[in-house]
Amino acid sequence: MNTVNALTLEALTDPTNKYTHILGSTWLQLTLTQSERTSLYLEHSEKLLQSGHAYRCFCSSEKLNELARRRASLGLPSDYDRTCEGIPVDESNERASAREAFVVRLRVPAEPPEYVDLVYGLVGKPNRNKKAQKLGEILYEDPVLLKSDGLPTYHLANVVDDHHMRITHVVRAAEWMSSTPKHLLLYNAFGWKPPEFAHVGLLQDSSRQKFSKRKGDLNIQRYEEQGIFPEALLNYVALYGWSHTKTSDVMSLSDLVESFDLKFTRGNTVVEPHKLMYLQRKYATNYANESGPQFEALVNRIFKKIQQEFETPSWHPENAYPHHLLGQELKTRIAGVLRHTAKNYTTTEYFFNNYEYFFYDVPFPNMDRSGEMYATCEDLWPKLHLVNVKFHEVLPGNWTDAGLRETTTAIVNILSHELDKSSKEMYKIIQFYLRWGIARGGSGPAMHTTMTLLGRGICLQRLDELAAMMNSNPEKATETDSK
């Protein structure tokens, strides 16, 4: 990295910074800051000058811009023309000592070396441009290694850093494949053994555009703010551009380490956000089944979310029953709901928006009065009042999943006989009625489970409210009360 502002530098170099554990990983190596290693790069650029593998270029930016414009008008790449390559060493040293501005360029041969890429196999072609030859233009890549301000370019810095860090394998984007022969020239010039290279495809969005940090595509803090689990995000990222032999894509860090190899897929990869949500749901289910520290942390995260919702100006406690849940009672309710809905969990916002009726008394929703189920309930209302009567008869000790199922079966048997409907059809009508009255039409666990979690008092209160509205005026049951 050549230029970073103070905030970015701090975020990248502080292992205790919150951004470093969003993926649930740890630092295995101290971070190197190139601006603090300038003397090392200067030392190695001097070695290249002395060995003849590099030379100083004193061309002004105006001259280089003019060369680039002329080459562009001819449809040629803007490579250098080696104006300064033939300057005698003594003259070059003298001009540099006089503080004349210069850059250091790598002297690239006409045919750069081939190399074996771990993904693409043998790579490298003679660097000849027939069009340039016909036009009498001489093209030399000769990339800049050291800029006029004394700072290195990526070409020099990555080779020097990787060697001193004893890097054995370089895995990077395929867009760097064309630069790899230049890097191999540097390794050879220094007399160093080069690492193995594996070039992988780029990550692309749904329109097949390259992900860009400038557009915010790679801001992983956004995932933390959404409540994405570090394990899910790490699992998600690790699967791109790589295949495995496991039967499931849900893989812990230890699973990924055990299964990892360098058999990357060729070509770019389209990022699929739904895959992350799939993994998020899988990890939430695992947490709920294990009921360990991660499940407790998730409950606490949802607890904070709900508390924030209660504190918003739009929240009016007088609409709660009789008050919204607080403290440990709220956490217990969250844990109970989460255990039964973890397979659908994505974010804390999703959880609250879909299951808010568990935590305070939400208003009756607008119902589609033209819908078949609504019309059926409205037509059968005098008979459906039996639902309220029978559930009122359930004693507190029997307000369990088994007890509620038994009561529902009894209601189905009675009403299916009286209304000449099948048990299956009657059961469906009763479930719709209960979900409308108790869950306010919201999605969630099976109704018997929902009723057990909410408790006898709340369920009967909500059924009585629905009955009162239906008795006074059926249309009132379709009104949306403001919180």
Protein backbone atom coordinates (compact mmCIF):
# COMPACT_ATOMS: atom_id res chain seq x y z
CA MET A 1 0.00 0.00 0.00
CA ASN A 2 1.56 3.29 -1.10
CA THR A 3 -0.86 5.85 0.26
CA VAL A 4 -3.12 5.44 3.26
CA ASN A 5 -4.70 7.98 5.54
CA ALA A 6 -4.23 7.78 9.28
CA LEU A 7 -7.64 6.20 9.94
CA THR A 8 -7.17 3.46 7.38
CA LEU A 9 -3.62 2.79 8.53
CA GLU A 10 -4.76 2.43 12.13
CA ALA A 11 -7.54 0.05 11.16
CA LEU A 12 -5.13 -2.10 9.17
CA THR A 13 -2.24 -2.22 11.59
CA ASP A 14 -3.89 -2.48 15.00
CA PRO A 15 -4.56 -6.18 15.73
CA THR A 16 -6.88 -5.16 18.58
CA ASN A 17 -8.97 -2.98 16.28
CA LYS A 18 -12.53 -4.24 15.97
CA TYR A 19 -12.23 -4.57 12.20
CA THR A 20 -9.63 -7.31 12.50
CA HIS A 21 -11.97 -9.84 14.10
CA ILE A 22 -15.07 -9.37 11.96
CA LEU A 23 -14.05 -12.58 10.20
CA GLY A 24 -13.26 -14.30 13.48
CA SER A 25 -9.60 -14.60 12.52
CA THR A 26 -6.33 -13.74 14.25
CA TRP A 27 -3.09 -12.15 13.07
CA LEU A 28 -0.33 -14.61 12.21
CA GLN A 29 2.24 -12.01 11.13
CA LEU A 30 3.10 -8.44 12.05
CA THR A 31 1.81 -5.93 9.53
CA LEU A 32 4.46 -4.30 7.36
CA THR A 33 4.11 -0.60 6.58
CA GLN A 34 5.96 0.29 3.40
CA SER A 35 6.53 3.91 4.39
CA GLU A 36 8.59 2.62 7.34
CA ARG A 37 10.77 0.40 5.11
CA THR A 38 11.93 3.01 2.61
CA SER A 39 15.62 2.43 3.36
CA LEU A 40 15.25 -1.28 2.56
CA TYR A 41 13.72 -0.56 -0.84
CA LEU A 42 16.36 2.07 -1.61
CA GLU A 43 19.05 -0.46 -0.74
CA HIS A 44 17.65 -3.06 -3.11
CA SER A 45 17.02 -0.59 -5.93
CA GLU A 46 20.68 0.43 -5.64
CA LYS A 47 21.69 -3.22 -6.00
CA LEU A 48 19.69 -3.45 -9.21
CA LEU A 49 21.35 -0.31 -10.57
CA GLN A 50 24.80 -1.65 -9.79
CA SER A 51 24.08 -5.03 -11.41
CA GLY A 52 22.64 -3.42 -14.53
CA HIS A 53 19.17 -4.91 -14.11
CA ALA A 54 17.74 -1.42 -13.64
CA TYR A 55 18.53 2.13 -14.75
CA ARG A 56 17.59 5.69 -13.82
CA CYS A 57 15.08 7.52 -15.97
CA PHE A 58 15.20 11.34 -15.90
CA CYS A 59 12.37 11.95 -18.38
CA SER A 60 9.92 14.65 -17.30
CA SER A 61 6.24 13.89 -16.79
CA GLU A 62 5.49 16.18 -19.74
CA LYS A 63 7.71 14.10 -22.02
CA LEU A 64 6.17 10.84 -20.83
CA ASN A 65 2.63 12.20 -21.22
CA GLU A 66 3.39 13.28 -24.76
CA LEU A 67 4.81 9.82 -25.52
CA ALA A 68 1.69 8.20 -24.11
CA ARG A 69 -0.61 10.44 -26.17
CA ARG A 70 1.27 9.66 -29.38
CA ARG A 71 1.22 5.94 -28.69
CA ALA A 72 -2.49 6.08 -27.90
CA SER A 73 -3.20 7.84 -31.21
CA LEU A 74 -1.48 4.92 -32.95
CA GLY A 75 -3.45 2.35 -30.97
CA LEU A 76 -0.36 1.19 -29.08
CA PRO A 77 0.29 0.63 -25.37
CA SER A 78 2.03 3.49 -23.59
CA ASP A 79 5.26 1.62 -22.87
CA TYR A 80 8.54 3.45 -22.48
CA ASP A 81 10.98 4.10 -25.35
CA ARG A 82 14.18 3.75 -23.27
CA THR A 83 15.35 7.30 -23.86
CA CYS A 84 17.41 7.13 -20.67
CA GLU A 85 18.50 3.51 -20.86
CA GLY A 86 21.75 4.38 -22.63
CA ILE A 87 22.89 7.12 -20.24
CA PRO A 88 26.39 6.23 -18.98
CA VAL A 89 26.55 5.13 -15.36
CA ASP A 90 28.86 7.99 -14.33
CA GLU A 91 26.54 10.58 -15.86
CA SER A 92 23.51 8.95 -14.24
CA ASN A 93 25.20 8.99 -10.84
CA GLU A 94 26.28 12.61 -11.25
CA ARG A 95 22.78 13.79 -12.21
CA ALA A 96 21.27 11.88 -9.30
CA SER A 97 23.84 13.43 -6.91
CA ALA A 98 22.82 16.86 -8.22
CA ARG A 99 19.27 16.03 -7.05
CA GLU A 100 17.80 15.88 -10.54
CA ALA A 101 14.46 14.09 -10.35
CA PHE A 102 14.46 10.50 -11.57
CA VAL A 103 12.70 7.16 -11.27
CA VAL A 104 14.30 3.73 -11.33
CA ARG A 105 13.10 1.38 -14.09
CA LEU A 106 13.53 -2.38 -14.47
CA ARG A 107 15.30 -3.41 -17.66
CA VAL A 108 12.90 -5.99 -19.16
CA PRO A 109 14.23 -8.31 -21.91
CA ALA A 110 12.40 -8.71 -25.21
CA GLU A 111 11.09 -12.11 -24.12
CA PRO A 112 10.17 -12.19 -20.41
CA PRO A 113 10.45 -15.58 -18.66
CA GLU A 114 7.68 -18.15 -18.69
CA TYR A 115 6.43 -19.56 -15.42
CA VAL A 116 4.14 -22.30 -14.14
CA ASP A 117 1.02 -20.99 -12.48
CA LEU A 118 -0.68 -23.34 -10.00
CA VAL A 119 -4.05 -22.54 -11.55
CA TYR A 120 -3.34 -21.87 -15.24
CA GLY A 121 -0.25 -24.00 -15.86
CA LEU A 122 2.52 -22.73 -18.16
CA VAL A 123 2.15 -18.97 -18.69
CA GLY A 124 4.19 -16.51 -20.73
CA LYS A 125 4.46 -15.40 -24.34
CA PRO A 126 7.16 -13.50 -26.27
CA ASN A 127 6.58 -9.80 -25.71
CA ARG A 128 6.44 -8.76 -29.37
CA ASN A 129 4.06 -6.15 -30.77
CA LYS A 130 3.93 -6.61 -34.56
CA LYS A 131 1.88 -3.45 -35.05
CA ALA A 132 4.52 -1.38 -33.26
CA GLN A 133 7.27 -2.94 -35.37
CA LYS A 134 5.43 -2.03 -38.58
CA LEU A 135 5.04 1.57 -37.37
CA GLY A 136 8.70 1.78 -36.42
CA GLU A 137 7.87 2.20 -32.75
CA ILE A 138 10.11 0.64 -30.12
CA LEU A 139 8.20 -0.58 -27.08
CA TYR A 140 9.72 -1.56 -23.74
CA GLU A 141 7.66 -2.29 -20.66
CA ASP A 142 10.47 -1.34 -18.25
CA PRO A 143 8.15 -0.65 -15.29
CA VAL A 144 9.01 1.92 -12.65
CA LEU A 145 10.37 0.31 -9.47
CA LEU A 146 11.18 3.41 -7.46
CA LYS A 147 9.25 6.65 -7.84
CA SER A 148 10.75 10.12 -7.84
CA ASP A 149 9.71 10.61 -4.19
CA GLY A 150 11.82 7.59 -3.18
CA LEU A 151 8.85 5.32 -2.49
CA PRO A 152 8.60 1.92 -4.18
CA THR A 153 5.92 0.77 -6.57
CA TYR A 154 4.14 -2.53 -6.01
CA HIS A 155 6.54 -4.33 -8.36
CA LEU A 156 9.58 -3.71 -6.14
CA ALA A 157 7.88 -3.66 -2.74
CA ASN A 158 5.98 -6.93 -3.10
CA VAL A 159 9.09 -8.85 -4.21
CA VAL A 160 11.32 -7.44 -1.46
CA ASP A 161 8.67 -7.86 1.24
CA ASP A 162 7.72 -11.40 0.22
CA HIS A 163 11.35 -12.50 0.18
CA HIS A 164 12.12 -11.05 3.61
CA MET A 165 8.89 -12.52 5.03
CA ARG A 166 9.87 -15.93 3.57
CA ILE A 167 6.66 -16.22 1.57
CA THR A 168 6.44 -19.59 -0.21
CA HIS A 169 3.12 -19.17 -2.08
CA VAL A 170 1.59 -16.04 -3.59
CA VAL A 171 -2.16 -16.22 -4.21
CA ARG A 172 -3.50 -13.10 -5.89
CA ALA A 173 -5.94 -11.83 -8.51
CA ALA A 174 -5.59 -12.96 -12.12
CA GLU A 175 -5.16 -9.33 -13.21
CA TRP A 176 -1.59 -9.59 -11.86
CA MET A 177 -0.63 -12.46 -14.17
CA SER A 178 0.87 -10.11 -16.75
CA SER A 179 3.13 -8.60 -14.08
CA THR A 180 4.42 -11.90 -12.75
CA PRO A 181 7.22 -12.27 -15.38
CA LYS A 182 8.57 -8.87 -14.24
CA HIS A 183 8.51 -10.04 -10.66
CA LEU A 184 10.35 -13.22 -11.62
CA LEU A 185 12.99 -11.04 -13.30
CA LEU A 186 13.46 -9.26 -9.98
CA TYR A 187 13.78 -12.51 -8.05
CA ASN A 188 16.38 -13.68 -10.55
CA ALA A 189 18.22 -10.35 -10.45
CA PHE A 190 18.53 -10.59 -6.67
CA GLY A 191 19.49 -14.27 -6.83
CA TRP A 192 16.44 -15.30 -4.79
CA LYS A 193 14.27 -18.38 -5.14
CA PRO A 194 10.82 -17.19 -6.25
CA PRO A 195 7.66 -18.42 -4.54
CA GLU A 196 4.93 -20.45 -6.20
CA PHE A 197 2.24 -18.34 -7.90
CA ALA A 198 -1.49 -19.02 -8.07
CA HIS A 199 -3.71 -16.46 -9.78
CA VAL A 200 -7.41 -16.54 -8.99
CA GLY A 201 -10.45 -14.90 -10.56
CA LEU A 202 -11.95 -11.61 -9.46
CA LEU A 203 -15.11 -11.27 -7.39
CA GLN A 204 -17.91 -9.71 -9.42
CA ASP A 205 -21.38 -8.41 -8.62
CA SER A 206 -24.57 -9.62 -10.30
CA SER A 207 -23.91 -7.36 -13.30
CA ARG A 208 -20.43 -8.95 -13.60
CA GLN A 209 -18.66 -5.76 -12.58
CA LYS A 210 -15.53 -6.09 -10.44
CA PHE A 211 -16.03 -5.54 -6.75
CA SER A 212 -14.46 -2.24 -5.79
CA LYS A 213 -13.46 -0.87 -2.42
CA ARG A 214 -14.12 2.59 -3.82
CA LYS A 215 -17.79 1.69 -4.26
CA GLY A 216 -18.05 0.22 -0.78
CA ASP A 217 -18.43 -3.36 -2.03
CA LEU A 218 -15.69 -4.64 0.27
CA ASN A 219 -16.59 -2.78 3.44
CA ILE A 220 -16.84 -5.70 5.84
CA GLN A 221 -17.85 -3.37 8.67
CA ARG A 222 -21.25 -3.27 6.96
CA TYR A 223 -21.63 -6.99 7.58
CA GLU A 224 -20.80 -6.55 11.26
CA GLU A 225 -23.40 -3.79 11.55
CA GLN A 226 -25.98 -6.14 10.03
CA GLY A 227 -25.14 -8.77 12.63
CA ILE A 228 -23.60 -11.31 10.28
CA PHE A 229 -21.79 -13.99 12.28
CA PRO A 230 -17.97 -13.94 11.86
CA GLU A 231 -18.02 -17.71 11.28
CA ALA A 232 -20.64 -17.38 8.55
CA LEU A 233 -18.80 -14.54 6.82
CA LEU A 234 -15.46 -16.39 6.92
CA ASN A 235 -17.14 -19.55 5.60
CA TYR A 236 -18.83 -17.51 2.84
CA VAL A 237 -15.65 -15.79 1.68
CA ALA A 238 -13.59 -18.99 1.76
CA LEU A 239 -15.89 -20.80 -0.68
CA TYR A 240 -15.42 -18.36 -3.56
CA GLY A 241 -13.09 -19.43 -6.36
CA TRP A 242 -12.45 -22.79 -4.72
CA SER A 243 -14.20 -26.15 -4.52
CA HIS A 244 -14.08 -28.85 -1.86
CA THR A 245 -15.08 -32.49 -1.42
CA LYS A 246 -17.15 -32.05 1.74
CA THR A 247 -20.86 -32.93 1.68
CA SER A 248 -21.82 -29.55 3.16
CA ASP A 249 -20.76 -25.97 2.53
CA VAL A 250 -21.05 -25.22 6.25
CA MET A 251 -17.45 -25.44 7.37
CA SER A 252 -15.73 -24.17 10.49
CA LEU A 253 -12.30 -22.59 10.34
CA SER A 254 -10.69 -25.91 11.30
CA ASP A 255 -12.71 -27.65 8.55
CA LEU A 256 -11.54 -25.07 6.02
CA VAL A 257 -7.92 -25.49 7.05
CA GLU A 258 -8.16 -29.27 6.85
CA SER A 259 -9.86 -29.25 3.44
CA PHE A 260 -7.98 -26.40 1.79
CA ASP A 261 -5.85 -26.96 -1.29
CA LEU A 262 -4.63 -24.81 -4.17
CA LYS A 263 -7.07 -26.19 -6.73
CA PHE A 264 -8.70 -22.87 -7.49
CA THR A 265 -11.23 -22.52 -10.26
CA ARG A 266 -10.34 -20.53 -13.36
CA GLY A 267 -12.24 -17.39 -14.29
CA ASN A 268 -14.09 -14.79 -12.28
CA THR A 269 -16.70 -15.55 -9.64
CA VAL A 270 -20.10 -13.88 -9.24
CA VAL A 271 -20.86 -13.13 -5.59
CA GLU A 272 -24.19 -14.52 -4.45
CA PRO A 273 -25.55 -12.70 -1.36
CA HIS A 274 -28.23 -15.37 -0.82
CA LYS A 275 -25.42 -17.85 -0.10
CA LEU A 276 -24.35 -15.73 2.88
CA MET A 277 -27.90 -15.72 4.22
CA TYR A 278 -28.05 -19.49 3.79
CA LEU A 279 -24.91 -19.89 5.89
CA GLN A 280 -26.21 -17.36 8.42
CA ARG A 281 -29.33 -19.47 8.95
CA LYS A 282 -27.29 -22.66 9.25
CA TYR A 283 -24.99 -21.17 11.90
CA ALA A 284 -27.95 -19.73 13.82
CA THR A 285 -29.51 -23.21 13.87
CA ASN A 286 -26.26 -24.72 15.14
CA TYR A 287 -26.00 -22.08 17.88
CA ALA A 288 -29.58 -22.75 18.98
CA ASN A 289 -29.01 -26.51 19.09
CA GLU A 290 -25.79 -26.16 21.08
CA SER A 291 -27.13 -23.47 23.48
CA GLY A 292 -23.57 -22.38 24.19
CA PRO A 293 -21.79 -19.02 24.41
CA GLN A 294 -22.55 -18.14 20.79
CA PHE A 295 -26.26 -18.65 21.35
CA GLU A 296 -26.10 -16.49 24.47
CA ALA A 297 -24.25 -13.79 22.54
CA LEU A 298 -26.93 -13.86 19.84
CA VAL A 299 -29.69 -13.55 22.42
CA ASN A 300 -27.89 -10.52 23.90
CA ARG A 301 -27.53 -8.96 20.45
CA ILE A 302 -31.27 -9.32 19.79
CA PHE A 303 -32.00 -8.05 23.31
CA LYS A 304 -30.11 -4.83 22.58
CA LYS A 305 -31.92 -4.45 19.26
CA ILE A 306 -35.34 -4.76 20.90
CA GLN A 307 -34.37 -2.34 23.67
CA GLN A 308 -33.37 0.19 21.00
CA GLU A 309 -36.74 -0.27 19.31
CA PHE A 310 -38.55 0.35 22.61
CA GLU A 311 -36.60 3.58 23.04
CA THR A 312 -37.55 5.05 19.65
CA PRO A 313 -40.03 7.98 19.61
CA SER A 314 -42.60 5.89 17.70
CA TRP A 315 -42.83 3.41 20.57
CA HIS A 316 -45.71 3.97 23.03
CA PRO A 317 -45.62 1.70 26.12
CA GLU A 318 -49.35 2.20 26.74
CA ASN A 319 -49.98 -0.16 23.81
CA ALA A 320 -48.09 -2.99 25.52
CA TYR A 321 -49.62 -5.71 27.70
CA PRO A 322 -49.60 -4.02 30.20
CA HIS A 323 -45.96 -3.09 29.67
CA HIS A 324 -43.35 -4.39 27.25
CA LEU A 325 -41.03 -7.10 28.52
CA LEU A 326 -37.90 -6.04 30.36
CA GLY A 327 -34.62 -7.51 31.57
CA GLN A 328 -34.26 -11.24 32.06
CA GLU A 329 -37.91 -11.88 31.19
CA LEU A 330 -37.28 -10.36 27.75
CA LYS A 331 -34.08 -12.41 27.29
CA THR A 332 -35.91 -15.61 28.23
CA ARG A 333 -38.64 -14.87 25.70
CA ILE A 334 -36.04 -14.11 23.00
CA ALA A 335 -34.22 -17.38 23.68
CA GLY A 336 -37.45 -19.36 23.49
CA VAL A 337 -38.52 -17.80 20.20
CA LEU A 338 -35.03 -18.12 18.72
CA ARG A 339 -34.80 -21.83 19.47
CA HIS A 340 -37.91 -22.40 17.35
CA THR A 341 -37.10 -19.95 14.55
CA ALA A 342 -33.30 -20.18 14.19
CA LYS A 343 -33.60 -21.98 10.85
CA ASN A 344 -34.99 -18.72 9.41
CA TYR A 345 -32.71 -16.29 11.26
CA THR A 346 -30.73 -13.79 9.18
CA THR A 347 -30.33 -10.52 11.11
CA THR A 348 -31.56 -8.93 14.34
CA GLU A 349 -33.72 -6.57 12.30
CA TYR A 350 -35.36 -9.49 10.51
CA PHE A 351 -35.97 -11.22 13.84
CA PHE A 352 -37.65 -8.21 15.44
CA ASN A 353 -39.75 -7.28 12.39
CA ASN A 354 -41.06 -10.83 11.98
CA TYR A 355 -41.60 -11.77 15.61
CA GLU A 356 -42.38 -8.46 17.30
CA TYR A 357 -45.77 -9.79 18.47
CA PHE A 358 -43.88 -11.94 20.99
CA PHE A 359 -42.53 -8.86 22.78
CA TYR A 360 -45.39 -6.36 22.83
CA ASP A 361 -49.00 -6.06 21.74
CA VAL A 362 -48.87 -5.18 18.07
CA PRO A 363 -52.07 -3.92 16.40
CA PHE A 364 -54.29 -6.09 14.24
CA PRO A 365 -53.03 -6.05 10.65
CA ASN A 366 -54.93 -4.95 7.59
CA MET A 367 -56.45 -8.15 6.25
CA ASP A 368 -57.34 -8.84 2.66
CA ARG A 369 -61.14 -9.04 3.07
CA SER A 370 -61.39 -10.51 -0.41
CA GLY A 371 -59.20 -13.43 0.62
CA GLU A 372 -60.78 -16.84 0.94
CA MET A 373 -59.62 -17.49 4.51
CA TYR A 374 -60.78 -14.10 5.77
CA ALA A 375 -64.20 -14.53 4.18
CA THR A 376 -64.47 -18.01 5.66
CA CYS A 377 -63.63 -16.81 9.18
CA GLU A 378 -66.07 -13.91 8.88
CA ASP A 379 -68.88 -16.18 7.66
CA LEU A 380 -68.19 -18.77 10.34
CA TRP A 381 -67.63 -16.30 13.18
CA PRO A 382 -70.59 -17.40 15.34
CA LYS A 383 -69.22 -20.95 15.27
CA LEU A 384 -65.55 -19.95 15.60
CA HIS A 385 -66.37 -18.35 18.95
CA LEU A 386 -66.12 -21.93 20.21
CA VAL A 387 -62.33 -21.59 19.78
CA ASN A 388 -62.26 -18.88 22.44
CA VAL A 389 -64.51 -20.84 24.76
CA LYS A 390 -62.50 -24.04 24.56
CA PHE A 391 -59.11 -22.39 25.08
CA HIS A 392 -60.50 -20.52 28.11
CA GLU A 393 -61.31 -23.93 29.56
CA VAL A 394 -57.67 -25.04 29.34
CA LEU A 395 -56.20 -24.90 32.83
CA PRO A 396 -52.80 -23.21 33.38
CA GLY A 397 -51.17 -26.56 34.08
CA ASN A 398 -52.34 -27.91 30.73
CA TRP A 399 -51.18 -24.89 28.72
CA THR A 400 -48.50 -26.97 27.03
CA ASP A 401 -47.85 -28.01 23.46
CA ALA A 402 -49.53 -31.37 24.07
CA GLY A 403 -52.47 -29.83 25.93
CA LEU A 404 -53.05 -27.20 23.25
CA ARG A 405 -52.89 -29.78 20.48
CA GLU A 406 -55.46 -31.88 22.30
CA THR A 407 -57.78 -28.88 22.62
CA THR A 408 -57.36 -27.97 18.96
CA THR A 409 -58.18 -31.54 17.92
CA ALA A 410 -61.36 -31.43 20.01
CA ILE A 411 -62.41 -28.13 18.38
CA VAL A 412 -61.71 -29.51 14.91
CA ASN A 413 -63.82 -32.60 15.61
CA ILE A 414 -66.77 -30.55 16.82
CA LEU A 415 -66.77 -27.87 14.13
CA SER A 416 -65.97 -30.16 11.19
CA HIS A 417 -69.08 -32.18 12.12
CA GLU A 418 -71.32 -29.15 12.66
CA LEU A 419 -70.16 -27.32 9.52
CA ASP A 420 -69.83 -30.42 7.31
CA LYS A 421 -66.17 -29.76 6.53
CA SER A 422 -63.22 -32.11 6.43
CA SER A 423 -60.94 -32.22 9.46
CA LYS A 424 -58.06 -30.96 7.30
CA GLU A 425 -60.04 -27.96 6.06
CA MET A 426 -61.34 -27.13 9.53
CA TYR A 427 -57.87 -27.39 11.05
CA LYS A 428 -56.58 -24.91 8.46
CA ILE A 429 -59.38 -22.43 9.26
CA ILE A 430 -58.72 -22.65 13.00
CA GLN A 431 -54.98 -22.14 12.52
CA PHE A 432 -55.65 -19.05 10.42
CA TYR A 433 -58.00 -17.70 13.11
CA LEU A 434 -55.49 -18.30 15.89
CA ARG A 435 -52.61 -16.75 13.96
CA TRP A 436 -54.73 -13.74 13.06
CA GLY A 437 -55.82 -13.17 16.65
CA ILE A 438 -52.75 -14.19 18.65
CA ALA A 439 -49.81 -13.58 16.27
CA ARG A 440 -51.59 -10.67 14.55
CA GLY A 441 -51.17 -12.50 11.26
CA GLY A 442 -47.39 -12.71 11.65
CA SER A 443 -45.20 -15.63 10.65
CA GLY A 444 -43.42 -17.75 13.21
CA PRO A 445 -43.41 -21.15 14.91
CA ALA A 446 -46.38 -23.50 14.84
CA MET A 447 -49.35 -21.96 16.66
CA HIS A 448 -49.22 -24.40 19.57
CA THR A 449 -45.57 -23.49 20.10
CA THR A 450 -46.36 -19.78 19.74
CA MET A 451 -49.16 -20.05 22.29
CA THR A 452 -46.90 -21.90 24.72
CA LEU A 453 -44.18 -19.23 24.40
CA LEU A 454 -46.61 -16.32 24.83
CA GLY A 455 -48.41 -17.91 27.78
CA ARG A 456 -52.05 -18.44 28.62
CA GLY A 457 -52.85 -14.91 29.78
CA ILE A 458 -51.59 -13.10 26.68
CA CYS A 459 -53.20 -15.58 24.27
CA LEU A 460 -56.62 -15.43 25.91
CA GLN A 461 -56.43 -11.64 26.09
CA ARG A 462 -55.73 -11.38 22.38
CA LEU A 463 -58.47 -13.88 21.47
CA ASP A 464 -60.93 -11.90 23.59
CA GLU A 465 -59.89 -8.67 21.83
CA LEU A 466 -60.53 -10.31 18.46
CA ALA A 467 -63.90 -11.65 19.61
CA ALA A 468 -64.93 -8.21 20.87
CA MET A 469 -64.13 -6.65 17.52
CA MET A 470 -65.88 -9.37 15.57
CA ASN A 471 -68.97 -9.10 17.77
CA SER A 472 -69.22 -5.31 17.55
CA ASN A 473 -68.37 -4.92 13.87
CA PRO A 474 -66.43 -7.43 11.75
CA GLU A 475 -64.80 -4.64 9.76
CA LYS A 476 -63.13 -3.31 12.91
CA ALA A 477 -60.93 -6.39 12.89
CA THR A 478 -59.30 -5.07 9.74
CA GLU A 479 -58.32 -1.71 11.12
CA THR A 480 -54.72 -0.95 11.94
CA ASP A 481 -54.35 0.74 15.30
CA SER A 482 -51.42 3.11 15.70
CA LYS A 483 -48.86 2.18 18.31
